[in-house]
N, C-alpha and C. Protein backbone atom coordinates (compact mmCIF):
# COMPACT_ATOMS: atom_id res chain seq x y z
N MET A 1 38.36 12.35 -6.57
CA MET A 1 39.79 12.09 -6.62
C MET A 1 40.04 10.62 -6.30
N ILE A 2 40.97 10.03 -7.01
CA ILE A 2 41.31 8.62 -6.82
C ILE A 2 42.64 8.54 -6.08
N SER A 3 42.73 7.60 -5.15
CA SER A 3 44.00 7.41 -4.46
C SER A 3 45.02 6.79 -5.40
N ARG A 4 46.26 6.71 -4.96
CA ARG A 4 47.32 6.13 -5.79
C ARG A 4 47.04 4.68 -6.14
N ARG A 5 46.25 3.99 -5.34
CA ARG A 5 45.97 2.57 -5.57
C ARG A 5 44.81 2.37 -6.53
N GLY A 6 44.11 3.43 -6.95
CA GLY A 6 42.97 3.31 -7.84
C GLY A 6 43.29 3.75 -9.25
N ALA A 7 42.32 3.61 -10.13
CA ALA A 7 42.45 4.04 -11.52
C ALA A 7 41.09 4.52 -11.99
N VAL A 8 41.08 5.43 -12.91
CA VAL A 8 39.83 5.89 -13.49
C VAL A 8 39.67 5.24 -14.85
N LEU A 9 38.56 4.55 -15.06
CA LEU A 9 38.26 3.89 -16.32
C LEU A 9 36.90 4.36 -16.78
N SER A 10 36.84 5.06 -17.88
CA SER A 10 35.58 5.56 -18.43
C SER A 10 34.76 6.31 -17.38
N GLY A 11 35.42 7.10 -16.56
CA GLY A 11 34.72 7.89 -15.57
C GLY A 11 34.35 7.14 -14.30
N ALA A 12 34.68 5.87 -14.22
CA ALA A 12 34.35 5.09 -13.03
C ALA A 12 35.62 4.81 -12.25
N ALA A 13 35.49 4.78 -10.95
CA ALA A 13 36.65 4.55 -10.09
C ALA A 13 36.77 3.07 -9.74
N PHE A 14 38.00 2.57 -9.83
CA PHE A 14 38.30 1.22 -9.39
C PHE A 14 39.43 1.31 -8.39
N MET A 15 39.27 0.60 -7.29
CA MET A 15 40.33 0.59 -6.29
C MET A 15 40.59 -0.84 -5.89
N VAL A 16 41.81 -1.12 -5.49
CA VAL A 16 42.18 -2.45 -5.05
C VAL A 16 41.54 -2.69 -3.68
N ALA A 17 40.93 -3.87 -3.51
CA ALA A 17 40.28 -4.21 -2.24
C ALA A 17 41.13 -5.18 -1.45
N GLY A 18 41.25 -4.94 -0.19
CA GLY A 18 41.90 -5.88 0.71
C GLY A 18 43.33 -6.23 0.36
N GLY A 19 44.04 -5.37 -0.35
CA GLY A 19 45.43 -5.63 -0.67
C GLY A 19 45.63 -6.61 -1.80
N SER A 20 44.60 -7.17 -2.35
CA SER A 20 44.73 -8.12 -3.45
C SER A 20 44.47 -7.42 -4.77
N SER A 21 45.36 -7.61 -5.72
CA SER A 21 45.18 -6.96 -7.02
C SER A 21 44.08 -7.62 -7.84
N LYS A 22 43.63 -8.79 -7.44
CA LYS A 22 42.59 -9.52 -8.17
C LYS A 22 41.21 -8.90 -7.97
N PHE A 23 40.96 -8.33 -6.83
CA PHE A 23 39.64 -7.82 -6.49
C PHE A 23 39.62 -6.31 -6.51
N LYS A 24 38.72 -5.77 -7.31
CA LYS A 24 38.55 -4.33 -7.44
C LYS A 24 37.24 -3.92 -6.79
N VAL A 25 37.15 -2.67 -6.41
CA VAL A 25 35.92 -2.10 -5.90
C VAL A 25 35.49 -1.05 -6.90
N TYR A 26 34.27 -1.14 -7.34
CA TYR A 26 33.72 -0.23 -8.35
C TYR A 26 32.86 0.81 -7.66
N ASP A 27 33.06 2.06 -8.02
CA ASP A 27 32.29 3.15 -7.45
C ASP A 27 31.76 4.00 -8.61
N GLY A 28 30.69 3.53 -9.21
CA GLY A 28 30.12 4.22 -10.35
C GLY A 28 28.66 3.83 -10.51
N PRO A 29 28.05 4.23 -11.61
CA PRO A 29 26.65 3.87 -11.84
C PRO A 29 26.49 2.34 -11.89
N PRO A 30 25.39 1.83 -11.36
CA PRO A 30 25.20 0.37 -11.36
C PRO A 30 25.00 -0.18 -12.77
N VAL A 31 25.51 -1.37 -12.98
CA VAL A 31 25.26 -2.09 -14.23
C VAL A 31 23.85 -2.66 -14.13
N THR A 32 22.97 -2.24 -15.04
CA THR A 32 21.58 -2.70 -15.02
C THR A 32 21.36 -3.88 -15.94
N ARG A 33 22.27 -4.10 -16.90
CA ARG A 33 22.20 -5.29 -17.73
C ARG A 33 23.50 -5.46 -18.48
N VAL A 34 23.74 -6.69 -18.89
CA VAL A 34 24.91 -7.05 -19.68
C VAL A 34 24.38 -7.48 -21.04
N ILE A 35 25.02 -7.02 -22.10
CA ILE A 35 24.67 -7.45 -23.45
C ILE A 35 25.92 -8.04 -24.08
N VAL A 36 25.79 -9.25 -24.61
CA VAL A 36 26.88 -9.87 -25.36
C VAL A 36 26.44 -9.99 -26.80
N SER A 37 27.22 -9.41 -27.70
CA SER A 37 26.99 -9.56 -29.13
C SER A 37 28.01 -10.57 -29.64
N LYS A 38 27.54 -11.78 -29.92
CA LYS A 38 28.44 -12.82 -30.39
C LYS A 38 29.07 -12.44 -31.73
N SER A 39 28.29 -11.85 -32.63
CA SER A 39 28.81 -11.49 -33.95
C SER A 39 29.89 -10.42 -33.87
N GLN A 40 29.77 -9.50 -32.91
CA GLN A 40 30.78 -8.45 -32.73
C GLN A 40 31.91 -8.88 -31.80
N ARG A 41 31.72 -10.02 -31.11
CA ARG A 41 32.66 -10.49 -30.10
C ARG A 41 32.90 -9.41 -29.05
N LYS A 42 31.78 -8.82 -28.55
CA LYS A 42 31.86 -7.78 -27.54
C LYS A 42 30.84 -8.01 -26.44
N LEU A 43 31.23 -7.63 -25.22
CA LEU A 43 30.37 -7.64 -24.04
C LEU A 43 30.23 -6.19 -23.60
N PHE A 44 28.98 -5.75 -23.44
CA PHE A 44 28.69 -4.38 -23.05
C PHE A 44 28.08 -4.36 -21.65
N LEU A 45 28.60 -3.51 -20.77
CA LEU A 45 28.02 -3.30 -19.46
C LEU A 45 27.20 -2.02 -19.55
N MET A 46 25.90 -2.14 -19.29
CA MET A 46 24.96 -1.06 -19.51
C MET A 46 24.42 -0.50 -18.20
N HIS A 47 24.17 0.80 -18.20
CA HIS A 47 23.38 1.46 -17.17
C HIS A 47 22.23 2.11 -17.92
N GLY A 48 21.05 1.49 -17.86
CA GLY A 48 19.94 1.93 -18.71
C GLY A 48 20.33 1.73 -20.16
N GLU A 49 20.31 2.80 -20.94
CA GLU A 49 20.68 2.73 -22.35
C GLU A 49 22.12 3.16 -22.61
N LYS A 50 22.84 3.50 -21.55
CA LYS A 50 24.22 3.99 -21.68
C LYS A 50 25.22 2.86 -21.50
N VAL A 51 26.18 2.79 -22.41
CA VAL A 51 27.27 1.81 -22.29
C VAL A 51 28.29 2.37 -21.30
N LEU A 52 28.49 1.65 -20.20
CA LEU A 52 29.50 2.04 -19.22
C LEU A 52 30.89 1.60 -19.66
N ARG A 53 30.99 0.36 -20.11
CA ARG A 53 32.26 -0.22 -20.58
C ARG A 53 31.92 -1.31 -21.58
N TRP A 54 32.86 -1.62 -22.45
CA TRP A 54 32.72 -2.79 -23.32
C TRP A 54 34.05 -3.52 -23.36
N PHE A 55 33.98 -4.82 -23.66
CA PHE A 55 35.14 -5.69 -23.64
C PHE A 55 35.09 -6.65 -24.83
N ARG A 56 36.23 -6.99 -25.37
CA ARG A 56 36.33 -8.04 -26.40
C ARG A 56 36.17 -9.40 -25.72
N VAL A 57 35.49 -10.32 -26.40
CA VAL A 57 35.25 -11.64 -25.81
C VAL A 57 35.63 -12.76 -26.78
N GLY A 58 35.88 -13.92 -26.20
CA GLY A 58 35.97 -15.17 -26.92
C GLY A 58 34.76 -15.99 -26.56
N LEU A 59 34.39 -16.90 -27.44
CA LEU A 59 33.17 -17.71 -27.26
C LEU A 59 33.52 -19.19 -27.28
N GLY A 60 32.48 -20.01 -27.40
CA GLY A 60 32.67 -21.44 -27.55
C GLY A 60 33.39 -21.76 -28.84
N PHE A 61 33.96 -22.96 -28.92
CA PHE A 61 34.77 -23.32 -30.09
C PHE A 61 33.94 -23.49 -31.36
N VAL A 62 32.61 -23.50 -31.25
CA VAL A 62 31.70 -23.41 -32.40
C VAL A 62 30.88 -22.14 -32.15
N PRO A 63 31.40 -20.98 -32.55
CA PRO A 63 30.80 -19.71 -32.12
C PRO A 63 29.46 -19.36 -32.76
N GLU A 64 29.15 -19.86 -33.94
CA GLU A 64 27.89 -19.51 -34.59
C GLU A 64 26.77 -20.42 -34.11
N GLY A 65 25.60 -19.81 -33.91
CA GLY A 65 24.41 -20.57 -33.54
C GLY A 65 24.23 -20.66 -32.04
N ASP A 66 22.99 -20.97 -31.67
CA ASP A 66 22.60 -21.10 -30.27
C ASP A 66 23.05 -22.45 -29.73
N LYS A 67 23.38 -22.50 -28.45
CA LYS A 67 23.72 -23.77 -27.79
C LYS A 67 22.49 -24.67 -27.83
N LEU A 68 22.68 -25.91 -28.29
CA LEU A 68 21.58 -26.86 -28.38
C LEU A 68 21.66 -27.96 -27.33
N HIS A 69 22.90 -28.33 -26.95
CA HIS A 69 23.08 -29.41 -25.97
C HIS A 69 24.49 -29.39 -25.43
N ALA A 70 24.70 -30.14 -24.37
CA ALA A 70 26.01 -30.25 -23.74
C ALA A 70 27.03 -30.74 -24.77
N GLY A 71 28.20 -30.14 -24.75
CA GLY A 71 29.29 -30.59 -25.60
C GLY A 71 29.30 -30.08 -27.02
N ASP A 72 28.32 -29.23 -27.38
CA ASP A 72 28.29 -28.77 -28.78
C ASP A 72 29.23 -27.61 -29.06
N GLY A 73 29.86 -27.05 -28.03
CA GLY A 73 30.84 -25.99 -28.22
C GLY A 73 30.24 -24.63 -28.53
N ARG A 74 28.93 -24.50 -28.42
CA ARG A 74 28.28 -23.23 -28.72
C ARG A 74 28.00 -22.45 -27.43
N THR A 75 27.98 -21.13 -27.57
CA THR A 75 27.59 -20.24 -26.48
C THR A 75 26.09 -20.00 -26.61
N PRO A 76 25.34 -20.13 -25.51
CA PRO A 76 23.88 -19.95 -25.60
C PRO A 76 23.50 -18.54 -26.06
N GLU A 77 22.29 -18.43 -26.57
CA GLU A 77 21.71 -17.14 -26.96
C GLU A 77 20.38 -16.98 -26.23
N GLY A 78 20.10 -15.78 -25.78
CA GLY A 78 18.83 -15.52 -25.10
C GLY A 78 19.01 -14.65 -23.89
N ARG A 79 17.96 -14.62 -23.08
CA ARG A 79 17.92 -13.79 -21.87
C ARG A 79 18.16 -14.68 -20.65
N TYR A 80 19.14 -14.29 -19.87
CA TYR A 80 19.52 -15.03 -18.68
C TYR A 80 19.82 -14.04 -17.56
N TRP A 81 20.30 -14.53 -16.43
CA TRP A 81 20.71 -13.71 -15.30
C TRP A 81 22.07 -14.16 -14.81
N ILE A 82 22.79 -13.24 -14.22
CA ILE A 82 24.01 -13.60 -13.50
C ILE A 82 23.53 -14.20 -12.19
N ASP A 83 23.82 -15.49 -11.99
CA ASP A 83 23.23 -16.18 -10.84
C ASP A 83 24.22 -16.63 -9.78
N ARG A 84 25.52 -16.41 -10.00
CA ARG A 84 26.50 -16.78 -8.98
C ARG A 84 27.85 -16.13 -9.31
N ARG A 85 28.69 -16.08 -8.30
CA ARG A 85 30.03 -15.48 -8.43
C ARG A 85 31.04 -16.50 -7.92
N ASN A 86 32.16 -16.62 -8.60
CA ASN A 86 33.19 -17.55 -8.16
C ASN A 86 34.53 -16.82 -8.04
N PRO A 87 34.92 -16.43 -6.83
CA PRO A 87 36.20 -15.76 -6.65
C PRO A 87 37.39 -16.70 -6.74
N ASN A 88 37.13 -18.01 -6.70
CA ASN A 88 38.19 -19.03 -6.75
C ASN A 88 38.17 -19.83 -8.04
N SER A 89 37.69 -19.23 -9.10
CA SER A 89 37.57 -19.91 -10.38
C SER A 89 38.92 -20.38 -10.91
N ASN A 90 38.91 -21.50 -11.61
CA ASN A 90 40.11 -21.96 -12.32
C ASN A 90 40.44 -21.02 -13.48
N PHE A 91 39.53 -20.10 -13.77
CA PHE A 91 39.71 -19.14 -14.85
C PHE A 91 39.77 -17.72 -14.28
N HIS A 92 40.56 -17.54 -13.23
CA HIS A 92 40.84 -16.27 -12.56
C HIS A 92 39.66 -15.83 -11.68
N LEU A 93 38.58 -15.34 -12.28
CA LEU A 93 37.32 -15.00 -11.62
C LEU A 93 36.22 -15.39 -12.58
N SER A 94 35.01 -15.64 -12.07
CA SER A 94 33.93 -15.95 -13.00
C SER A 94 32.57 -15.56 -12.44
N LEU A 95 31.66 -15.28 -13.38
CA LEU A 95 30.27 -14.97 -13.07
C LEU A 95 29.40 -15.99 -13.78
N GLY A 96 28.57 -16.70 -13.01
CA GLY A 96 27.71 -17.72 -13.58
C GLY A 96 26.51 -17.14 -14.30
N ILE A 97 26.14 -17.79 -15.39
CA ILE A 97 24.97 -17.42 -16.20
C ILE A 97 23.91 -18.48 -15.98
N SER A 98 22.66 -18.08 -15.86
CA SER A 98 21.56 -18.98 -15.47
C SER A 98 21.14 -19.98 -16.55
N TYR A 99 21.99 -20.30 -17.47
CA TYR A 99 21.73 -21.34 -18.46
C TYR A 99 21.81 -22.69 -17.77
N PRO A 100 20.91 -23.64 -18.05
CA PRO A 100 19.83 -23.60 -19.04
C PRO A 100 18.51 -23.11 -18.43
N ASN A 101 17.71 -22.48 -19.26
CA ASN A 101 16.35 -22.13 -18.84
C ASN A 101 15.40 -23.21 -19.36
N ALA A 102 14.11 -23.06 -19.11
CA ALA A 102 13.13 -24.09 -19.49
C ALA A 102 13.13 -24.33 -21.00
N ARG A 103 13.27 -23.29 -21.80
CA ARG A 103 13.31 -23.43 -23.26
C ARG A 103 14.54 -24.23 -23.69
N ASP A 104 15.69 -23.93 -23.08
CA ASP A 104 16.93 -24.64 -23.42
C ASP A 104 16.81 -26.13 -23.09
N ILE A 105 16.23 -26.43 -21.94
CA ILE A 105 16.05 -27.83 -21.52
C ILE A 105 15.14 -28.56 -22.50
N ALA A 106 14.03 -27.93 -22.88
CA ALA A 106 13.09 -28.56 -23.82
C ALA A 106 13.73 -28.79 -25.18
N GLU A 107 14.50 -27.81 -25.67
CA GLU A 107 15.16 -27.97 -26.98
C GLU A 107 16.15 -29.13 -26.96
N ALA A 108 16.95 -29.21 -25.91
CA ALA A 108 17.94 -30.28 -25.82
C ALA A 108 17.26 -31.64 -25.71
N ARG A 109 16.26 -31.74 -24.88
CA ARG A 109 15.58 -33.03 -24.68
C ARG A 109 14.84 -33.47 -25.94
N ALA A 110 14.35 -32.50 -26.74
CA ALA A 110 13.71 -32.85 -28.02
C ALA A 110 14.72 -33.51 -28.97
N LEU A 111 15.99 -33.21 -28.77
CA LEU A 111 17.06 -33.83 -29.56
C LEU A 111 17.58 -35.11 -28.91
N GLY A 112 17.01 -35.46 -27.77
CA GLY A 112 17.48 -36.64 -27.05
C GLY A 112 18.79 -36.40 -26.32
N LYS A 113 19.06 -35.15 -25.97
CA LYS A 113 20.33 -34.78 -25.34
C LYS A 113 20.07 -34.03 -24.04
N GLU A 114 21.12 -33.81 -23.29
CA GLU A 114 21.08 -32.97 -22.09
C GLU A 114 21.54 -31.57 -22.48
N PRO A 115 20.99 -30.53 -21.83
CA PRO A 115 21.34 -29.17 -22.22
C PRO A 115 22.75 -28.73 -21.80
N GLY A 116 23.31 -29.38 -20.79
CA GLY A 116 24.59 -28.91 -20.25
C GLY A 116 24.35 -27.82 -19.24
N GLY A 117 25.40 -27.17 -18.84
CA GLY A 117 25.31 -26.11 -17.83
C GLY A 117 26.67 -25.54 -17.56
N ASP A 118 26.82 -24.91 -16.42
CA ASP A 118 28.09 -24.27 -16.03
C ASP A 118 28.61 -23.33 -17.09
N ILE A 119 27.73 -22.43 -17.55
CA ILE A 119 28.13 -21.40 -18.49
C ILE A 119 28.48 -20.15 -17.69
N PHE A 120 29.66 -19.60 -17.94
CA PHE A 120 30.19 -18.48 -17.18
C PHE A 120 30.77 -17.41 -18.09
N ILE A 121 30.87 -16.21 -17.55
CA ILE A 121 31.79 -15.20 -18.05
C ILE A 121 33.04 -15.40 -17.20
N HIS A 122 34.18 -15.59 -17.81
CA HIS A 122 35.39 -15.84 -17.02
C HIS A 122 36.64 -15.31 -17.69
N GLY A 123 37.72 -15.30 -16.91
CA GLY A 123 39.02 -14.88 -17.42
C GLY A 123 39.70 -16.01 -18.18
N ARG A 124 40.96 -15.77 -18.53
CA ARG A 124 41.73 -16.76 -19.29
C ARG A 124 42.68 -17.54 -18.39
N ALA A 125 43.03 -17.00 -17.25
CA ALA A 125 43.82 -17.69 -16.23
C ALA A 125 45.12 -18.30 -16.75
N GLY A 126 45.92 -17.49 -17.37
CA GLY A 126 47.28 -17.91 -17.73
C GLY A 126 47.37 -19.04 -18.73
N ARG A 127 47.07 -20.24 -18.30
CA ARG A 127 47.27 -21.41 -19.16
C ARG A 127 46.37 -21.39 -20.40
N ASN A 128 45.34 -20.57 -20.39
CA ASN A 128 44.44 -20.51 -21.54
C ASN A 128 44.78 -19.36 -22.49
N ARG A 129 45.82 -18.62 -22.19
CA ARG A 129 46.28 -17.58 -23.12
C ARG A 129 46.85 -18.28 -24.35
N GLY A 130 46.66 -17.67 -25.49
CA GLY A 130 47.23 -18.24 -26.71
C GLY A 130 46.42 -19.34 -27.34
N LYS A 131 45.23 -19.64 -26.80
CA LYS A 131 44.38 -20.69 -27.38
C LYS A 131 43.59 -20.19 -28.57
N GLY A 132 43.73 -18.93 -28.91
CA GLY A 132 42.93 -18.37 -29.99
C GLY A 132 41.72 -17.65 -29.46
N ARG A 133 40.90 -17.17 -30.38
CA ARG A 133 39.76 -16.34 -29.98
C ARG A 133 38.63 -17.16 -29.36
N ASP A 134 38.18 -18.20 -30.01
CA ASP A 134 37.01 -18.98 -29.55
C ASP A 134 37.47 -20.38 -29.15
N TRP A 135 37.54 -20.61 -27.85
CA TRP A 135 38.14 -21.85 -27.35
C TRP A 135 37.37 -22.50 -26.21
N THR A 136 36.35 -21.84 -25.67
CA THR A 136 35.65 -22.40 -24.51
C THR A 136 34.65 -23.47 -24.97
N TYR A 137 34.01 -24.10 -24.01
CA TYR A 137 32.96 -25.09 -24.31
C TYR A 137 31.58 -24.44 -24.35
N GLY A 138 31.54 -23.11 -24.38
CA GLY A 138 30.27 -22.38 -24.43
C GLY A 138 30.27 -21.15 -23.56
N CYS A 139 31.33 -20.95 -22.80
CA CYS A 139 31.44 -19.79 -21.93
C CYS A 139 31.84 -18.55 -22.73
N ILE A 140 31.87 -17.43 -22.03
CA ILE A 140 32.29 -16.15 -22.58
C ILE A 140 33.59 -15.80 -21.87
N ALA A 141 34.69 -15.71 -22.61
CA ALA A 141 36.01 -15.48 -22.02
C ALA A 141 36.50 -14.08 -22.33
N VAL A 142 37.14 -13.46 -21.35
CA VAL A 142 37.79 -12.17 -21.50
C VAL A 142 39.18 -12.28 -20.87
N ASN A 143 40.03 -11.30 -21.11
CA ASN A 143 41.33 -11.37 -20.45
C ASN A 143 41.15 -11.13 -18.95
N ASP A 144 42.13 -11.50 -18.18
CA ASP A 144 42.00 -11.47 -16.72
C ASP A 144 41.77 -10.06 -16.19
N ARG A 145 42.45 -9.07 -16.73
CA ARG A 145 42.26 -7.69 -16.26
C ARG A 145 40.83 -7.23 -16.53
N SER A 146 40.29 -7.56 -17.71
CA SER A 146 38.89 -7.23 -18.01
C SER A 146 37.95 -7.93 -17.05
N MET A 147 38.25 -9.21 -16.73
CA MET A 147 37.39 -9.96 -15.82
C MET A 147 37.38 -9.32 -14.44
N GLU A 148 38.48 -8.76 -14.00
CA GLU A 148 38.51 -8.07 -12.71
C GLU A 148 37.54 -6.90 -12.70
N ALA A 149 37.50 -6.13 -13.78
CA ALA A 149 36.57 -4.99 -13.87
C ALA A 149 35.12 -5.48 -13.93
N ILE A 150 34.86 -6.49 -14.76
CA ILE A 150 33.50 -7.03 -14.89
C ILE A 150 33.02 -7.58 -13.55
N TYR A 151 33.87 -8.32 -12.87
CA TYR A 151 33.53 -8.92 -11.58
C TYR A 151 33.18 -7.84 -10.56
N ALA A 152 33.91 -6.72 -10.59
CA ALA A 152 33.64 -5.63 -9.66
C ALA A 152 32.34 -4.91 -9.99
N MET A 153 32.01 -4.81 -11.26
CA MET A 153 30.88 -3.98 -11.69
C MET A 153 29.54 -4.70 -11.72
N VAL A 154 29.54 -6.01 -11.97
CA VAL A 154 28.29 -6.75 -12.20
C VAL A 154 27.89 -7.51 -10.94
N GLU A 155 26.66 -7.28 -10.52
CA GLU A 155 26.13 -7.93 -9.32
C GLU A 155 25.33 -9.19 -9.69
N THR A 156 25.23 -10.10 -8.75
CA THR A 156 24.34 -11.26 -8.91
C THR A 156 22.92 -10.73 -9.12
N GLY A 157 22.19 -11.34 -10.04
CA GLY A 157 20.83 -10.92 -10.34
C GLY A 157 20.73 -10.01 -11.55
N THR A 158 21.85 -9.57 -12.11
CA THR A 158 21.85 -8.70 -13.28
C THR A 158 21.43 -9.50 -14.51
N GLU A 159 20.55 -8.90 -15.32
CA GLU A 159 20.13 -9.53 -16.58
C GLU A 159 21.30 -9.56 -17.56
N ILE A 160 21.36 -10.64 -18.35
CA ILE A 160 22.34 -10.72 -19.43
C ILE A 160 21.61 -11.20 -20.67
N TYR A 161 21.81 -10.48 -21.76
CA TYR A 161 21.25 -10.83 -23.05
C TYR A 161 22.40 -11.26 -23.94
N ILE A 162 22.34 -12.48 -24.44
CA ILE A 162 23.37 -12.99 -25.34
C ILE A 162 22.74 -13.05 -26.72
N LEU A 163 23.23 -12.19 -27.61
CA LEU A 163 22.67 -12.03 -28.94
C LEU A 163 23.52 -12.74 -29.99
N PRO A 164 22.90 -13.17 -31.09
CA PRO A 164 23.69 -13.82 -32.15
C PRO A 164 24.82 -12.93 -32.66
C-alpha cells in the first residue's frame, strides 16, 4: 500500500523524501543497467532482462554518430557507468556518465582534438523547455519529472549502454 504522498509507477513505489517534491524514494527491484537507444530516442531502466521503466530522451544537437571530440554535439556510444550524482544540477537533477573512456580519448587525440567530458543524463530545468528534441552538447535529456524517477532508481556504479 502506498501512502497519500506516494504513487505507483509500473508496479514500483515512489514516495516524496524529506518534504521535497524533487527527491523521490524508490522501493522496487534494483536497476541493474541502463540502455539508451539513440535511434529510438528512449532510455530503458533494466532489472536483468526486464524493462522496469522507459523514458523518451533528447540527445546532442548532432544526434547521429558517436561522439568524436569536445564540441561536436554528439552523444557518445558505448559502455559506460553512472559515476556521480548531482542533486544541485543546473538541469534539475543529473547523473554523470563515465565518458570519456580510454578508447574515446585515443579516438579524439588521433584527430588532434580533446574528447570532452561532463556527459550526463539530466532534466530540462525550465529554461531548456521548448528547445526542441535534440539540443544538448552530448548529454541525454529527459523532462524533469522523468529525471526525478531516474535519479531515484539508478545508483552510482550502474552500467549504461548507449546504442546507435
